[in-house]
Amino acid sequence: DLLWLETQHDRAEARLALVAARATGLEVVVTFTPAGEPPWTLTDGTPLEEALLAVASLGASAAGVNCVAPGVALADLAAWARATLPIPFVVKPSPGLPGAVRSPDAFAAELSPALAAGVALAGGCCGATGDHLRALAAAWRAIA
């Protein structure tokens, strides 16, 4: 029903993938994994917000981030996206890598401000389990 282009690190590669995916006639979602700490950029130096706007202008059905930490920076990005991005904003943050995985409740609590700020769809990336997603769903229901 749709194609999900995840973990994009480079604006030009994301553009090429999006153009090819759109040629199928399916809806396409693009998520970026930015480098380093906020303010986030892609590995090619493109500011994350610029990359999100670029894929929106090229016809992505939704865009967002994956494999980032939940928290204040993600909530700030969600607020920016709600006010600026013309397509739905999606997030798939990571609760952490082996040895440093947040508990499901901590993950959901840290993600709640981003949910409240305007995320259209949320899930989990590296380290997420069914328990993390259930806690996320409960947090989202509490906001609604």
N, C-alpha and C. Protein backbone atom coordinates (compact mmCIF):
# COMPACT_ATOMS: atom_id res chain seq x y z
N ASP A 1 0.80 -1.21 0.00
CA ASP A 1 0.00 0.00 0.00
C ASP A 1 0.84 1.27 0.00
N LEU A 2 2.06 1.18 0.51
CA LEU A 2 2.95 2.34 0.51
C LEU A 2 4.39 1.88 0.58
N LEU A 3 5.27 2.76 0.22
CA LEU A 3 6.71 2.49 0.34
C LEU A 3 7.27 3.39 1.42
N TRP A 4 8.13 2.82 2.26
CA TRP A 4 8.72 3.55 3.38
C TRP A 4 10.22 3.61 3.15
N LEU A 5 10.74 4.79 2.87
CA LEU A 5 12.17 4.99 2.64
C LEU A 5 12.77 5.49 3.95
N GLU A 6 13.42 4.60 4.66
CA GLU A 6 13.87 4.88 6.03
C GLU A 6 15.39 5.01 6.10
N THR A 7 15.83 5.74 7.11
CA THR A 7 17.25 5.91 7.42
C THR A 7 17.99 6.59 6.28
N GLN A 8 17.40 7.62 5.73
CA GLN A 8 18.06 8.41 4.69
C GLN A 8 19.06 9.35 5.37
N HIS A 9 20.29 9.37 4.85
CA HIS A 9 21.36 10.19 5.43
C HIS A 9 21.79 11.35 4.53
N ASP A 10 21.34 11.33 3.29
CA ASP A 10 21.85 12.26 2.29
C ASP A 10 20.67 12.77 1.46
N ARG A 11 20.59 14.08 1.30
CA ARG A 11 19.46 14.68 0.58
C ARG A 11 19.36 14.19 -0.86
N ALA A 12 20.49 14.11 -1.57
CA ALA A 12 20.46 13.70 -2.97
C ALA A 12 20.00 12.24 -3.10
N GLU A 13 20.49 11.37 -2.23
CA GLU A 13 20.06 9.97 -2.29
C GLU A 13 18.59 9.83 -1.94
N ALA A 14 18.13 10.60 -0.97
CA ALA A 14 16.71 10.57 -0.61
C ALA A 14 15.86 11.03 -1.79
N ARG A 15 16.32 12.05 -2.49
CA ARG A 15 15.59 12.54 -3.66
C ARG A 15 15.49 11.46 -4.73
N LEU A 16 16.60 10.81 -5.03
CA LEU A 16 16.61 9.75 -6.04
C LEU A 16 15.68 8.60 -5.64
N ALA A 17 15.77 8.20 -4.40
CA ALA A 17 14.91 7.10 -3.91
C ALA A 17 13.44 7.49 -3.99
N LEU A 18 13.13 8.74 -3.63
CA LEU A 18 11.75 9.20 -3.66
C LEU A 18 11.21 9.24 -5.09
N VAL A 19 12.00 9.77 -6.01
CA VAL A 19 11.56 9.83 -7.41
C VAL A 19 11.30 8.41 -7.94
N ALA A 20 12.19 7.47 -7.65
CA ALA A 20 12.00 6.09 -8.10
C ALA A 20 10.77 5.47 -7.44
N ALA A 21 10.61 5.69 -6.16
CA ALA A 21 9.47 5.12 -5.44
C ALA A 21 8.14 5.69 -5.94
N ARG A 22 8.10 6.98 -6.20
CA ARG A 22 6.87 7.60 -6.68
C ARG A 22 6.47 7.07 -8.05
N ALA A 23 7.44 6.62 -8.83
CA ALA A 23 7.14 6.07 -10.16
C ALA A 23 6.29 4.80 -10.07
N THR A 24 6.23 4.18 -8.90
CA THR A 24 5.40 2.98 -8.73
C THR A 24 3.93 3.33 -8.60
N GLY A 25 3.63 4.59 -8.30
CA GLY A 25 2.25 5.01 -8.08
C GLY A 25 1.80 4.84 -6.64
N LEU A 26 2.66 4.30 -5.80
CA LEU A 26 2.31 4.12 -4.38
C LEU A 26 2.62 5.38 -3.58
N GLU A 27 1.98 5.50 -2.43
CA GLU A 27 2.31 6.56 -1.48
C GLU A 27 3.71 6.29 -0.94
N VAL A 28 4.46 7.36 -0.64
CA VAL A 28 5.83 7.20 -0.17
C VAL A 28 6.06 8.04 1.08
N VAL A 29 6.65 7.40 2.08
CA VAL A 29 7.06 8.07 3.32
C VAL A 29 8.59 8.06 3.34
N VAL A 30 9.19 9.20 3.70
CA VAL A 30 10.64 9.31 3.78
C VAL A 30 11.02 9.71 5.20
N THR A 31 11.91 8.93 5.81
CA THR A 31 12.43 9.33 7.12
C THR A 31 13.95 9.44 7.05
N PHE A 32 14.46 10.46 7.70
CA PHE A 32 15.88 10.75 7.74
C PHE A 32 16.45 10.37 9.11
N THR A 33 17.71 9.96 9.09
CA THR A 33 18.46 9.76 10.32
C THR A 33 19.58 10.79 10.31
N PRO A 34 19.39 11.88 11.08
CA PRO A 34 20.40 12.94 11.07
C PRO A 34 21.66 12.52 11.82
N ALA A 35 22.71 13.27 11.56
CA ALA A 35 24.00 13.02 12.19
C ALA A 35 24.16 13.90 13.43
N GLY A 36 24.76 13.35 14.46
CA GLY A 36 25.14 14.13 15.63
C GLY A 36 24.00 14.64 16.47
N GLU A 37 24.30 15.69 17.17
CA GLU A 37 23.36 16.31 18.10
C GLU A 37 22.67 17.49 17.42
N PRO A 38 21.50 17.90 17.93
CA PRO A 38 20.82 19.08 17.38
C PRO A 38 21.69 20.33 17.50
N PRO A 39 21.60 21.27 16.57
CA PRO A 39 20.69 21.26 15.43
C PRO A 39 21.11 20.19 14.43
N TRP A 40 20.15 19.35 14.04
CA TRP A 40 20.43 18.18 13.23
C TRP A 40 20.70 18.54 11.78
N THR A 41 21.67 17.83 11.22
CA THR A 41 21.97 17.92 9.79
C THR A 41 22.12 16.50 9.25
N LEU A 42 22.06 16.38 7.94
CA LEU A 42 22.35 15.10 7.31
C LEU A 42 23.86 14.99 7.12
N THR A 43 24.34 13.82 6.75
CA THR A 43 25.78 13.64 6.59
C THR A 43 26.35 14.51 5.47
N ASP A 44 25.49 14.95 4.53
CA ASP A 44 25.96 15.84 3.46
C ASP A 44 25.94 17.31 3.88
N GLY A 45 25.57 17.57 5.15
CA GLY A 45 25.54 18.94 5.67
C GLY A 45 24.20 19.64 5.55
N THR A 46 23.23 19.02 4.90
CA THR A 46 21.91 19.64 4.73
C THR A 46 21.20 19.71 6.08
N PRO A 47 20.69 20.88 6.46
CA PRO A 47 19.88 20.96 7.68
C PRO A 47 18.66 20.04 7.55
N LEU A 48 18.33 19.35 8.62
CA LEU A 48 17.23 18.40 8.60
C LEU A 48 15.93 19.02 8.13
N GLU A 49 15.61 20.20 8.61
CA GLU A 49 14.36 20.85 8.22
C GLU A 49 14.32 21.09 6.71
N GLU A 50 15.45 21.48 6.14
CA GLU A 50 15.53 21.70 4.69
C GLU A 50 15.28 20.40 3.93
N ALA A 51 15.83 19.30 4.42
CA ALA A 51 15.62 18.00 3.78
C ALA A 51 14.15 17.58 3.86
N LEU A 52 13.52 17.81 5.00
CA LEU A 52 12.10 17.47 5.15
C LEU A 52 11.24 18.27 4.17
N LEU A 53 11.51 19.56 4.05
CA LEU A 53 10.77 20.39 3.11
C LEU A 53 11.03 19.97 1.67
N ALA A 54 12.26 19.54 1.37
CA ALA A 54 12.59 19.12 0.01
C ALA A 54 11.80 17.90 -0.40
N VAL A 55 11.70 16.88 0.48
CA VAL A 55 10.95 15.69 0.08
C VAL A 55 9.46 15.97 0.03
N ALA A 56 8.99 16.90 0.85
CA ALA A 56 7.58 17.30 0.77
C ALA A 56 7.30 17.93 -0.59
N SER A 57 8.22 18.77 -1.07
CA SER A 57 8.02 19.44 -2.35
C SER A 57 8.11 18.47 -3.52
N LEU A 58 8.76 17.33 -3.31
CA LEU A 58 8.90 16.33 -4.36
C LEU A 58 7.79 15.27 -4.32
N GLY A 59 6.82 15.46 -3.44
CA GLY A 59 5.66 14.58 -3.45
C GLY A 59 5.62 13.47 -2.42
N ALA A 60 6.48 13.51 -1.41
CA ALA A 60 6.37 12.52 -0.34
C ALA A 60 5.00 12.67 0.33
N SER A 61 4.42 11.57 0.72
CA SER A 61 3.12 11.60 1.40
C SER A 61 3.27 11.98 2.87
N ALA A 62 4.41 11.66 3.45
CA ALA A 62 4.74 12.01 4.83
C ALA A 62 6.25 11.98 4.93
N ALA A 63 6.79 12.65 5.94
CA ALA A 63 8.24 12.67 6.15
C ALA A 63 8.53 12.82 7.62
N GLY A 64 9.72 12.41 8.01
CA GLY A 64 10.09 12.53 9.40
C GLY A 64 11.48 12.01 9.68
N VAL A 65 11.64 11.47 10.89
CA VAL A 65 12.94 11.00 11.35
C VAL A 65 12.80 9.61 11.95
N ASN A 66 13.92 8.90 11.92
CA ASN A 66 13.99 7.63 12.63
C ASN A 66 15.38 7.50 13.25
N CYS A 67 15.46 6.64 14.23
CA CYS A 67 16.72 6.32 14.91
C CYS A 67 17.34 7.55 15.58
N VAL A 68 16.48 8.42 16.10
CA VAL A 68 16.92 9.54 16.92
C VAL A 68 16.43 9.28 18.34
N ALA A 69 16.95 10.01 19.29
CA ALA A 69 16.50 9.85 20.67
C ALA A 69 15.21 10.64 20.89
N PRO A 70 14.30 10.11 21.70
CA PRO A 70 13.15 10.93 22.09
C PRO A 70 13.64 12.04 23.02
N GLY A 71 12.86 13.08 23.16
CA GLY A 71 13.25 14.14 24.08
C GLY A 71 12.92 15.52 23.55
N VAL A 72 13.53 16.51 24.14
CA VAL A 72 13.23 17.91 23.86
C VAL A 72 13.48 18.26 22.40
N ALA A 73 14.61 17.84 21.85
CA ALA A 73 14.94 18.19 20.46
C ALA A 73 13.90 17.62 19.50
N LEU A 74 13.43 16.42 19.76
CA LEU A 74 12.42 15.82 18.90
C LEU A 74 11.09 16.56 19.05
N ALA A 75 10.76 16.96 20.25
CA ALA A 75 9.53 17.74 20.47
C ALA A 75 9.61 19.08 19.75
N ASP A 76 10.77 19.72 19.81
CA ASP A 76 10.95 21.00 19.10
C ASP A 76 10.80 20.81 17.59
N LEU A 77 11.36 19.72 17.06
CA LEU A 77 11.24 19.43 15.64
C LEU A 77 9.78 19.16 15.27
N ALA A 78 9.06 18.44 16.11
CA ALA A 78 7.64 18.16 15.85
C ALA A 78 6.82 19.45 15.83
N ALA A 79 7.12 20.37 16.73
CA ALA A 79 6.41 21.65 16.74
C ALA A 79 6.72 22.44 15.47
N TRP A 80 7.99 22.44 15.05
CA TRP A 80 8.35 23.10 13.79
C TRP A 80 7.59 22.46 12.64
N ALA A 81 7.57 21.13 12.59
CA ALA A 81 6.91 20.42 11.49
C ALA A 81 5.42 20.73 11.45
N ARG A 82 4.79 20.76 12.60
CA ARG A 82 3.35 21.05 12.64
C ARG A 82 3.07 22.43 12.05
N ALA A 83 3.94 23.38 12.33
CA ALA A 83 3.73 24.75 11.86
C ALA A 83 4.19 24.97 10.42
N THR A 84 5.11 24.14 9.93
CA THR A 84 5.79 24.44 8.67
C THR A 84 5.68 23.37 7.60
N LEU A 85 5.78 22.13 7.98
CA LEU A 85 5.81 21.04 7.00
C LEU A 85 4.42 20.80 6.43
N PRO A 86 4.26 20.81 5.10
CA PRO A 86 2.93 20.68 4.51
C PRO A 86 2.39 19.25 4.42
N ILE A 87 3.14 18.29 4.94
CA ILE A 87 2.72 16.89 4.95
C ILE A 87 2.84 16.34 6.37
N PRO A 88 2.22 15.21 6.66
CA PRO A 88 2.32 14.65 8.02
C PRO A 88 3.77 14.37 8.42
N PHE A 89 4.04 14.60 9.70
CA PHE A 89 5.37 14.38 10.28
C PHE A 89 5.34 13.08 11.07
N VAL A 90 6.28 12.18 10.76
CA VAL A 90 6.34 10.88 11.41
C VAL A 90 7.66 10.72 12.16
N VAL A 91 7.61 9.96 13.26
CA VAL A 91 8.82 9.71 14.05
C VAL A 91 8.90 8.24 14.43
N LYS A 92 10.11 7.72 14.36
CA LYS A 92 10.41 6.38 14.85
C LYS A 92 11.71 6.48 15.65
N PRO A 93 11.63 7.04 16.86
CA PRO A 93 12.84 7.19 17.66
C PRO A 93 13.31 5.84 18.22
N SER A 94 14.55 5.84 18.64
CA SER A 94 15.14 4.65 19.24
C SER A 94 15.12 4.77 20.76
N PRO A 95 14.71 3.71 21.45
CA PRO A 95 14.82 3.74 22.91
C PRO A 95 16.24 3.50 23.39
N GLY A 96 17.15 3.24 22.48
CA GLY A 96 18.56 3.03 22.84
C GLY A 96 19.11 1.75 22.25
N LEU A 97 20.40 1.63 22.32
CA LEU A 97 21.08 0.46 21.80
C LEU A 97 21.38 -0.51 22.94
N PRO A 98 21.75 -1.74 22.63
CA PRO A 98 22.00 -2.73 23.68
C PRO A 98 22.89 -2.18 24.79
N GLY A 99 22.47 -2.43 26.00
CA GLY A 99 23.19 -1.94 27.17
C GLY A 99 22.73 -0.58 27.65
N ALA A 100 21.95 0.11 26.83
CA ALA A 100 21.47 1.45 27.20
C ALA A 100 20.05 1.69 26.69
N VAL A 101 19.22 0.66 26.70
CA VAL A 101 17.85 0.78 26.21
C VAL A 101 16.96 1.32 27.33
N ARG A 102 16.23 2.42 27.02
CA ARG A 102 15.28 2.97 27.98
C ARG A 102 14.16 1.96 28.21
N SER A 103 13.60 2.01 29.40
CA SER A 103 12.44 1.17 29.67
C SER A 103 11.28 1.63 28.79
N PRO A 104 10.30 0.77 28.56
CA PRO A 104 9.14 1.21 27.78
C PRO A 104 8.47 2.46 28.34
N ASP A 105 8.31 2.52 29.66
CA ASP A 105 7.67 3.69 30.26
C ASP A 105 8.51 4.95 30.09
N ALA A 106 9.83 4.84 30.25
CA ALA A 106 10.71 6.00 30.07
C ALA A 106 10.69 6.46 28.62
N PHE A 107 10.72 5.52 27.69
CA PHE A 107 10.65 5.84 26.26
C PHE A 107 9.38 6.62 25.95
N ALA A 108 8.24 6.11 26.41
CA ALA A 108 6.96 6.77 26.14
C ALA A 108 6.91 8.15 26.79
N ALA A 109 7.42 8.27 27.99
CA ALA A 109 7.40 9.56 28.69
C ALA A 109 8.27 10.59 27.96
N GLU A 110 9.43 10.16 27.48
CA GLU A 110 10.31 11.08 26.76
C GLU A 110 9.76 11.44 25.39
N LEU A 111 8.95 10.57 24.81
CA LEU A 111 8.37 10.82 23.50
C LEU A 111 7.07 11.62 23.58
N SER A 112 6.41 11.62 24.72
CA SER A 112 5.12 12.29 24.86
C SER A 112 5.12 13.77 24.44
N PRO A 113 6.12 14.57 24.79
CA PRO A 113 6.10 15.97 24.33
C PRO A 113 6.09 16.10 22.80
N ALA A 114 6.77 15.22 22.10
CA ALA A 114 6.75 15.27 20.63
C ALA A 114 5.38 14.87 20.11
N LEU A 115 4.76 13.87 20.73
CA LEU A 115 3.41 13.47 20.33
C LEU A 115 2.45 14.64 20.49
N ALA A 116 2.54 15.32 21.61
CA ALA A 116 1.66 16.46 21.88
C ALA A 116 1.95 17.63 20.95
N ALA A 117 3.19 17.73 20.47
CA ALA A 117 3.58 18.86 19.63
C ALA A 117 3.12 18.73 18.18
N GLY A 118 2.69 17.54 17.77
CA GLY A 118 2.17 17.46 16.42
C GLY A 118 2.62 16.30 15.57
N VAL A 119 3.09 15.23 16.15
CA VAL A 119 3.46 14.05 15.38
C VAL A 119 2.20 13.40 14.83
N ALA A 120 2.24 13.00 13.56
CA ALA A 120 1.09 12.34 12.94
C ALA A 120 1.13 10.83 13.10
N LEU A 121 2.33 10.27 13.15
CA LEU A 121 2.50 8.82 13.27
C LEU A 121 3.79 8.57 14.02
N ALA A 122 3.75 7.62 14.96
CA ALA A 122 4.94 7.32 15.76
C ALA A 122 5.14 5.82 15.89
N GLY A 123 6.38 5.44 16.00
CA GLY A 123 6.74 4.05 16.21
C GLY A 123 8.06 3.99 16.93
N GLY A 124 8.78 2.92 16.73
CA GLY A 124 10.07 2.77 17.38
C GLY A 124 11.09 2.22 16.41
N CYS A 125 12.34 2.54 16.65
CA CYS A 125 13.44 2.07 15.81
C CYS A 125 14.31 1.15 16.65
N CYS A 126 15.59 1.20 16.44
CA CYS A 126 16.55 0.31 17.09
C CYS A 126 16.29 0.18 18.59
N GLY A 127 16.16 -1.04 19.05
CA GLY A 127 15.95 -1.31 20.47
C GLY A 127 14.50 -1.37 20.89
N ALA A 128 13.57 -0.97 20.03
CA ALA A 128 12.15 -0.96 20.40
C ALA A 128 11.60 -2.38 20.38
N THR A 129 10.78 -2.67 21.36
CA THR A 129 10.10 -3.97 21.46
C THR A 129 8.59 -3.73 21.44
N GLY A 130 7.84 -4.79 21.45
CA GLY A 130 6.39 -4.66 21.56
C GLY A 130 5.98 -3.91 22.81
N ASP A 131 6.72 -4.09 23.90
CA ASP A 131 6.41 -3.37 25.14
C ASP A 131 6.61 -1.86 24.97
N HIS A 132 7.65 -1.47 24.22
CA HIS A 132 7.87 -0.05 23.95
C HIS A 132 6.70 0.53 23.15
N LEU A 133 6.24 -0.22 22.16
CA LEU A 133 5.14 0.28 21.32
C LEU A 133 3.83 0.32 22.09
N ARG A 134 3.60 -0.64 22.98
CA ARG A 134 2.39 -0.59 23.82
C ARG A 134 2.43 0.62 24.75
N ALA A 135 3.59 0.90 25.33
CA ALA A 135 3.72 2.08 26.20
C ALA A 135 3.52 3.36 25.40
N LEU A 136 4.05 3.39 24.19
CA LEU A 136 3.86 4.54 23.30
C LEU A 136 2.38 4.74 22.99
N ALA A 137 1.68 3.67 22.67
CA ALA A 137 0.25 3.76 22.36
C ALA A 137 -0.53 4.27 23.57
N ALA A 138 -0.19 3.81 24.75
CA ALA A 138 -0.87 4.28 25.96
C ALA A 138 -0.61 5.76 26.20
N ALA A 139 0.63 6.19 25.96
CA ALA A 139 0.97 7.61 26.13
C ALA A 139 0.20 8.47 25.15
N TRP A 140 0.07 7.99 23.93
CA TRP A 140 -0.65 8.76 22.90
C TRP A 140 -2.13 8.85 23.24
N ARG A 141 -2.71 7.75 23.71
CA ARG A 141 -4.12 7.79 24.13
C ARG A 141 -4.34 8.78 25.27
N ALA A 142 -3.37 8.88 26.16
CA ALA A 142 -3.48 9.81 27.29
C ALA A 142 -3.45 11.26 26.84
N ILE A 143 -2.78 11.54 25.72
CA ILE A 143 -2.70 12.90 25.20
C ILE A 143 -3.97 13.27 24.46
N ALA A 144 -4.56 12.31 23.77
CA ALA A 144 -5.72 12.57 22.92
C ALA A 144 -6.95 12.97 23.66
